[in-house]
């Protein structure tokens, strides 16, 4: 493989890793919010703790209530 091809390949791999890390963080944040909701925490408190918007929290709450 040429040096240019190797660089392009490595760049693609790194982008894939970063996307995976971002998805993992998002999944972790969703799990935390779901646990907080299940424990009966107020949406306003969850907003304060997670820095997510009220709308995002309400959307997650709808997902777990179905």
PDB file of N, CA and C in Angstrom:
ATOM      1  N   UNK A   1       0.857  -1.175   0.000  1.00  0.00           N
ATOM      2  CA  UNK A   1       0.000   0.000   0.000  1.00  0.00           C
ATOM      3  C   UNK A   1       0.899   1.233   0.000  1.00  0.00           C
ATOM      4  N   UNK A   2       0.527   2.225  -0.786  1.00  0.00           N
ATOM      5  CA  UNK A   2       1.335   3.443  -0.844  1.00  0.00           C
ATOM      6  C   UNK A   2       1.170   4.253   0.438  1.00  0.00           C
ATOM      7  N   UNK A   3       2.114   5.146   0.650  1.00  0.00           N
ATOM      8  CA  UNK A   3       2.075   5.985   1.855  1.00  0.00           C
ATOM      9  C   UNK A   3       0.785   6.805   1.902  1.00  0.00           C
ATOM     10  N   UNK A   4       0.368   7.351   0.773  1.00  0.00           N
ATOM     11  CA  UNK A   4      -0.862   8.138   0.722  1.00  0.00           C
ATOM     12  C   UNK A   4      -2.068   7.271   1.080  1.00  0.00           C
ATOM     13  N   UNK A   5      -2.125   6.075   0.532  1.00  0.00           N
ATOM     14  CA  UNK A   5      -3.237   5.166   0.827  1.00  0.00           C
ATOM     15  C   UNK A   5      -3.250   4.798   2.307  1.00  0.00           C
ATOM     16  N   UNK A   6      -2.076   4.577   2.879  1.00  0.00           N
ATOM     17  CA  UNK A   6      -1.989   4.258   4.310  1.00  0.00           C
ATOM     18  C   UNK A   6      -2.490   5.421   5.160  1.00  0.00           C
ATOM     19  N   UNK A   7      -2.123   6.638   4.786  1.00  0.00           N
ATOM     20  CA  UNK A   7      -2.572   7.813   5.532  1.00  0.00           C
ATOM     21  C   UNK A   7      -4.094   7.968   5.452  1.00  0.00           C
ATOM     22  N   UNK A   8      -4.641   7.764   4.271  1.00  0.00           N
ATOM     23  CA  UNK A   8      -6.093   7.860   4.102  1.00  0.00           C
ATOM     24  C   UNK A   8      -6.788   6.780   4.919  1.00  0.00           C
ATOM     25  N   UNK A   9      -6.241   5.572   4.893  1.00  0.00           N
ATOM     26  CA  UNK A   9      -6.804   4.457   5.655  1.00  0.00           C
ATOM     27  C   UNK A   9      -6.790   4.766   7.152  1.00  0.00           C
ATOM     28  N   UNK A  10      -5.665   5.244   7.655  1.00  0.00           N
ATOM     29  CA  UNK A  10      -5.554   5.561   9.081  1.00  0.00           C
ATOM     30  C   UNK A  10      -6.492   6.702   9.473  1.00  0.00           C
ATOM     31  N   UNK A  11      -6.623   7.678   8.597  1.00  0.00           N
ATOM     32  CA  UNK A  11      -7.536   8.787   8.872  1.00  0.00           C
ATOM     33  C   UNK A  11      -8.972   8.274   8.980  1.00  0.00           C
ATOM     34  N   UNK A  12      -9.347   7.378   8.102  1.00  0.00           N
ATOM     35  CA  UNK A  12     -10.685   6.785   8.149  1.00  0.00           C
ATOM     36  C   UNK A  12     -10.905   5.973   9.410  1.00  0.00           C
ATOM     37  N   UNK A  13      -9.882   5.228   9.811  1.00  0.00           N
ATOM     38  CA  UNK A  13      -9.992   4.443  11.044  1.00  0.00           C
ATOM     39  C   UNK A  13     -10.174   5.352  12.249  1.00  0.00           C
ATOM     40  N   UNK A  14      -9.419   6.428  12.301  1.00  0.00           N
ATOM     41  CA  UNK A  14      -9.525   7.350  13.433  1.00  0.00           C
ATOM     42  C   UNK A  14     -10.903   8.014  13.467  1.00  0.00           C
ATOM     43  N   UNK A  15     -11.417   8.383  12.304  1.00  0.00           N
ATOM     44  CA  UNK A  15     -12.766   8.960  12.256  1.00  0.00           C
ATOM     45  C   UNK A  15     -13.790   7.951  12.766  1.00  0.00           C
ATOM     46  N   UNK A  16     -13.632   6.697  12.392  1.00  0.00           N
ATOM     47  CA  UNK A  16     -14.535   5.646  12.863  1.00  0.00           C
ATOM     48  C   UNK A  16     -14.452   5.469  14.366  1.00  0.00           C
ATOM     49  N   UNK A  17     -13.251   5.505  14.892  1.00  0.00           N
ATOM     50  CA  UNK A  17     -13.081   5.389  16.348  1.00  0.00           C
ATOM     51  C   UNK A  17     -13.768   6.544  17.071  1.00  0.00           C
ATOM     52  N   UNK A  18     -13.586   7.746  16.555  1.00  0.00           N
ATOM     53  CA  UNK A  18     -14.193   8.920  17.187  1.00  0.00           C
ATOM     54  C   UNK A  18     -15.713   8.829  17.147  1.00  0.00           C
ATOM     55  N   UNK A  19     -16.266   8.388  16.023  1.00  0.00           N
ATOM     56  CA  UNK A  19     -17.718   8.212  15.938  1.00  0.00           C
ATOM     57  C   UNK A  19     -18.187   7.193  16.967  1.00  0.00           C
ATOM     58  N   UNK A  20     -17.447   6.118  17.127  1.00  0.00           N
ATOM     59  CA  UNK A  20     -17.797   5.101  18.114  1.00  0.00           C
ATOM     60  C   UNK A  20     -17.754   5.642  19.528  1.00  0.00           C
ATOM     61  N   UNK A  21     -16.749   6.440  19.822  1.00  0.00           N
ATOM     62  CA  UNK A  21     -16.657   7.039  21.159  1.00  0.00           C
ATOM     63  C   UNK A  21     -17.837   7.971  21.415  1.00  0.00           C
ATOM     64  N   UNK A  22     -18.187   8.763  20.418  1.00  0.00           N
ATOM     65  CA  UNK A  22     -19.306   9.690  20.573  1.00  0.00           C
ATOM     66  C   UNK A  22     -20.617   8.930  20.791  1.00  0.00           C
ATOM     67  N   UNK A  23     -20.818   7.859  20.028  1.00  0.00           N
ATOM     68  CA  UNK A  23     -22.031   7.055  20.199  1.00  0.00           C
ATOM     69  C   UNK A  23     -22.061   6.427  21.586  1.00  0.00           C
ATOM     70  N   UNK A  24     -20.927   5.969  22.055  1.00  0.00           N
ATOM     71  CA  UNK A  24     -20.853   5.374  23.387  1.00  0.00           C
ATOM     72  C   UNK A  24     -21.181   6.375  24.477  1.00  0.00           C
ATOM     73  N   UNK A  25     -20.669   7.578  24.336  1.00  0.00           N
ATOM     74  CA  UNK A  25     -20.980   8.619  25.322  1.00  0.00           C
ATOM     75  C   UNK A  25     -22.471   8.939  25.318  1.00  0.00           C
ATOM     76  N   UNK A  26     -23.051   9.012  24.127  1.00  0.00           N
ATOM     77  CA  UNK A  26     -24.486   9.309  24.014  1.00  0.00           C
ATOM     78  C   UNK A  26     -25.315   8.197  24.656  1.00  0.00           C
ATOM     79  N   UNK A  27     -24.945   6.952  24.405  1.00  0.00           N
ATOM     80  CA  UNK A  27     -25.667   5.832  25.016  1.00  0.00           C
ATOM     81  C   UNK A  27     -25.539   5.871  26.535  1.00  0.00           C
ATOM     82  N   UNK A  28     -24.369   6.196  27.028  1.00  0.00           N
ATOM     83  CA  UNK A  28     -24.156   6.292  28.465  1.00  0.00           C
ATOM     84  C   UNK A  28     -24.986   7.397  29.087  1.00  0.00           C
ATOM     85  N   UNK A  29     -25.050   8.523  28.416  1.00  0.00           N
ATOM     86  CA  UNK A  29     -25.845   9.645  28.907  1.00  0.00           C
ATOM     87  C   UNK A  29     -27.328   9.276  28.943  1.00  0.00           C
ATOM     88  N   UNK A  30     -27.802   8.577  27.903  1.00  0.00           N
ATOM     89  CA  UNK A  30     -29.201   8.138  27.864  1.00  0.00           C
ATOM     90  C   UNK A  30     -29.494   7.193  29.025  1.00  0.00           C
ATOM     91  N   UNK A  31     -28.589   6.276  29.287  1.00  0.00           N
ATOM     92  CA  UNK A  31     -28.776   5.316  30.380  1.00  0.00           C
ATOM     93  C   UNK A  31     -28.843   6.037  31.727  1.00  0.00           C
ATOM     94  N   UNK A  32     -27.992   7.017  31.918  1.00  0.00           N
ATOM     95  CA  UNK A  32     -28.000   7.785  33.166  1.00  0.00           C
ATOM     96  C   UNK A  32     -29.327   8.516  33.330  1.00  0.00           C
ATOM     97  N   UNK A  33     -29.792   9.162  32.269  1.00  0.00           N
ATOM     98  CA  UNK A  33     -31.061   9.886  32.340  1.00  0.00           C
ATOM     99  C   UNK A  33     -32.204   8.923  32.635  1.00  0.00           C
ATOM    100  N   UNK A  34     -32.219   7.770  31.970  1.00  0.00           N
ATOM    101  CA  UNK A  34     -33.277   6.792  32.222  1.00  0.00           C
ATOM    102  C   UNK A  34     -33.266   6.337  33.676  1.00  0.00           C
ATOM    103  N   UNK A  35     -32.091   6.104  34.222  1.00  0.00           N
ATOM    104  CA  UNK A  35     -32.000   5.699  35.628  1.00  0.00           C
ATOM    105  C   UNK A  35     -32.502   6.798  36.558  1.00  0.00           C
ATOM    106  N   UNK A  36     -32.165   8.035  36.258  1.00  0.00           N
ATOM    107  CA  UNK A  36     -32.625   9.153  37.086  1.00  0.00           C
ATOM    108  C   UNK A  36     -34.149   9.263  37.039  1.00  0.00           C
ATOM    109  N   UNK A  37     -34.718   9.101  35.852  1.00  0.00           N
ATOM    110  CA  UNK A  37     -36.170   9.161  35.712  1.00  0.00           C
ATOM    111  C   UNK A  37     -36.833   8.018  36.472  1.00  0.00           C
ATOM    112  N   UNK A  38     -36.277   6.826  36.349  1.00  0.00           N
ATOM    113  CA  UNK A  38     -36.837   5.664  37.046  1.00  0.00           C
ATOM    114  C   UNK A  38     -36.787   5.827  38.564  1.00  0.00           C
ATOM    115  N   UNK A  39     -35.817   6.576  39.051  1.00  0.00           N
ATOM    116  CA  UNK A  39     -35.703   6.818  40.493  1.00  0.00           C
ATOM    117  C   UNK A  39     -36.598   7.967  40.952  1.00  0.00           C
ATOM    118  N   UNK A  40     -37.327   8.538  40.012  1.00  0.00           N
ATOM    119  CA  UNK A  40     -38.287   9.571  40.365  1.00  0.00           C
ATOM    120  C   UNK A  40     -37.734  10.979  40.453  1.00  0.00           C
ATOM    121  N   UNK A  41     -36.555  11.201  39.900  1.00  0.00           N
ATOM    122  CA  UNK A  41     -35.992  12.550  39.942  1.00  0.00           C
ATOM    123  C   UNK A  41     -36.811  13.490  39.063  1.00  0.00           C
ATOM    124  N   UNK A  42     -36.910  14.718  39.481  1.00  0.00           N
ATOM    125  CA  UNK A  42     -37.627  15.738  38.720  1.00  0.00           C
ATOM    126  C   UNK A  42     -36.844  16.071  37.453  1.00  0.00           C
ATOM    127  N   UNK A  43     -37.588  16.348  36.393  1.00  0.00           N
ATOM    128  CA  UNK A  43     -36.960  16.684  35.116  1.00  0.00           C
ATOM    129  C   UNK A  43     -36.047  17.893  35.262  1.00  0.00           C
ATOM    130  N   UNK A  44     -36.456  18.883  36.033  1.00  0.00           N
ATOM    131  CA  UNK A  44     -35.637  20.089  36.218  1.00  0.00           C
ATOM    132  C   UNK A  44     -34.290  19.743  36.858  1.00  0.00           C
ATOM    133  N   UNK A  45     -34.298  18.802  37.810  1.00  0.00           N
ATOM    134  CA  UNK A  45     -33.047  18.387  38.446  1.00  0.00           C
ATOM    135  C   UNK A  45     -32.152  17.640  37.462  1.00  0.00           C
ATOM    136  N   UNK A  46     -32.764  16.816  36.621  1.00  0.00           N
ATOM    137  CA  UNK A  46     -31.991  16.072  35.620  1.00  0.00           C
ATOM    138  C   UNK A  46     -31.371  17.041  34.619  1.00  0.00           C
ATOM    139  N   UNK A  47     -32.118  18.069  34.237  1.00  0.00           N
ATOM    140  CA  UNK A  47     -31.588  19.101  33.336  1.00  0.00           C
ATOM    141  C   UNK A  47     -30.363  19.754  33.972  1.00  0.00           C
ATOM    142  N   UNK A  48     -30.462  20.098  35.257  1.00  0.00           N
ATOM    143  CA  UNK A  48     -29.340  20.732  35.957  1.00  0.00           C
ATOM    144  C   UNK A  48     -28.113  19.833  36.004  1.00  0.00           C
ATOM    145  N   UNK A  49     -28.324  18.553  36.254  1.00  0.00           N
ATOM    146  CA  UNK A  49     -27.205  17.621  36.413  1.00  0.00           C
ATOM    147  C   UNK A  49     -26.560  17.266  35.074  1.00  0.00           C
ATOM    148  N   UNK A  50     -27.382  17.042  34.045  1.00  0.00           N
ATOM    149  CA  UNK A  50     -26.863  16.527  32.777  1.00  0.00           C
ATOM    150  C   UNK A  50     -26.560  17.595  31.735  1.00  0.00           C
ATOM    151  N   UNK A  51     -27.081  18.805  31.942  1.00  0.00           N
ATOM    152  CA  UNK A  51     -26.965  19.882  30.947  1.00  0.00           C
ATOM    153  C   UNK A  51     -27.681  19.566  29.636  1.00  0.00           C
ATOM    154  N   UNK A  52     -28.591  18.597  29.658  1.00  0.00           N
ATOM    155  CA  UNK A  52     -29.447  18.343  28.506  1.00  0.00           C
ATOM    156  C   UNK A  52     -30.656  19.263  28.615  1.00  0.00           C
ATOM    157  N   UNK A  53     -31.322  19.489  27.502  1.00  0.00           N
ATOM    158  CA  UNK A  53     -32.499  20.356  27.534  1.00  0.00           C
ATOM    159  C   UNK A  53     -33.695  19.613  28.122  1.00  0.00           C
ATOM    160  N   UNK A  54     -34.662  20.390  28.561  1.00  0.00           N
ATOM    161  CA  UNK A  54     -35.895  19.802  29.096  1.00  0.00           C
ATOM    162  C   UNK A  54     -36.560  18.941  28.025  1.00  0.00           C
ATOM    163  N   UNK A  55     -36.535  19.398  26.784  1.00  0.00           N
ATOM    164  CA  UNK A  55     -37.143  18.648  25.690  1.00  0.00           C
ATOM    165  C   UNK A  55     -36.441  17.304  25.481  1.00  0.00           C
ATOM    166  N   UNK A  56     -35.111  17.288  25.597  1.00  0.00           N
ATOM    167  CA  UNK A  56     -34.379  16.029  25.445  1.00  0.00           C
ATOM    168  C   UNK A  56     -34.756  15.044  26.550  1.00  0.00           C
ATOM    169  N   UNK A  57     -34.864  15.543  27.770  1.00  0.00           N
ATOM    170  CA  UNK A  57     -35.226  14.690  28.904  1.00  0.00           C
ATOM    171  C   UNK A  57     -36.643  14.159  28.715  1.00  0.00           C
ATOM    172  N   UNK A  58     -37.554  15.027  28.306  1.00  0.00           N
ATOM    173  CA  UNK A  58     -38.937  14.597  28.086  1.00  0.00           C
ATOM    174  C   UNK A  58     -39.027  13.555  26.979  1.00  0.00           C
ATOM    175  N   UNK A  59     -38.216  13.695  25.950  1.00  0.00           N
ATOM    176  CA  UNK A  59     -38.187  12.719  24.863  1.00  0.00           C
ATOM    177  C   UNK A  59     -37.721  11.356  25.373  1.00  0.00           C
ATOM    178  N   UNK A  60     -36.705  11.353  26.209  1.00  0.00           N
ATOM    179  CA  UNK A  60     -36.208  10.103  26.793  1.00  0.00           C
ATOM    180  C   UNK A  60     -37.270   9.506  27.705  1.00  0.00           C
ATOM    181  N   UNK A  61     -37.948  10.350  28.465  1.00  0.00           N
ATOM    182  CA  UNK A  61     -39.002   9.877  29.370  1.00  0.00           C
ATOM    183  C   UNK A  61     -40.115   9.188  28.590  1.00  0.00           C
ATOM    184  N   UNK A  62     -40.463   9.729  27.428  1.00  0.00           N
ATOM    185  CA  UNK A  62     -41.498   9.108  26.596  1.00  0.00           C
ATOM    186  C   UNK A  62     -41.056   7.728  26.120  1.00  0.00           C
ATOM    187  N   UNK A  63     -39.780   7.581  25.793  1.00  0.00           N
ATOM    188  CA  UNK A  63     -39.269   6.295  25.309  1.00  0.00           C
ATOM    189  C   UNK A  63     -39.376   5.210  26.369  1.00  0.00           C
ATOM    190  N   UNK A  64     -39.134   5.560  27.617  1.00  0.00           N
ATOM    191  CA  UNK A  64     -39.166   4.523  28.652  1.00  0.00           C
ATOM    192  C   UNK A  64     -40.572   4.279  29.179  1.00  0.00           C
ATOM    193  N   UNK A  65     -41.515   5.172  28.871  1.00  0.00           N
ATOM    194  CA  UNK A  65     -42.881   4.974  29.360  1.00  0.00           C
ATOM    195  C   UNK A  65     -43.700   4.101  28.417  1.00  0.00           C
ATOM    196  N   UNK A  66     -43.164   3.784  27.247  1.00  0.00           N
ATOM    197  CA  UNK A  66     -43.900   2.963  26.273  1.00  0.00           C
ATOM    198  C   UNK A  66     -43.629   1.516  26.471  1.00  0.00           C
TER     199      UNK A  66
END
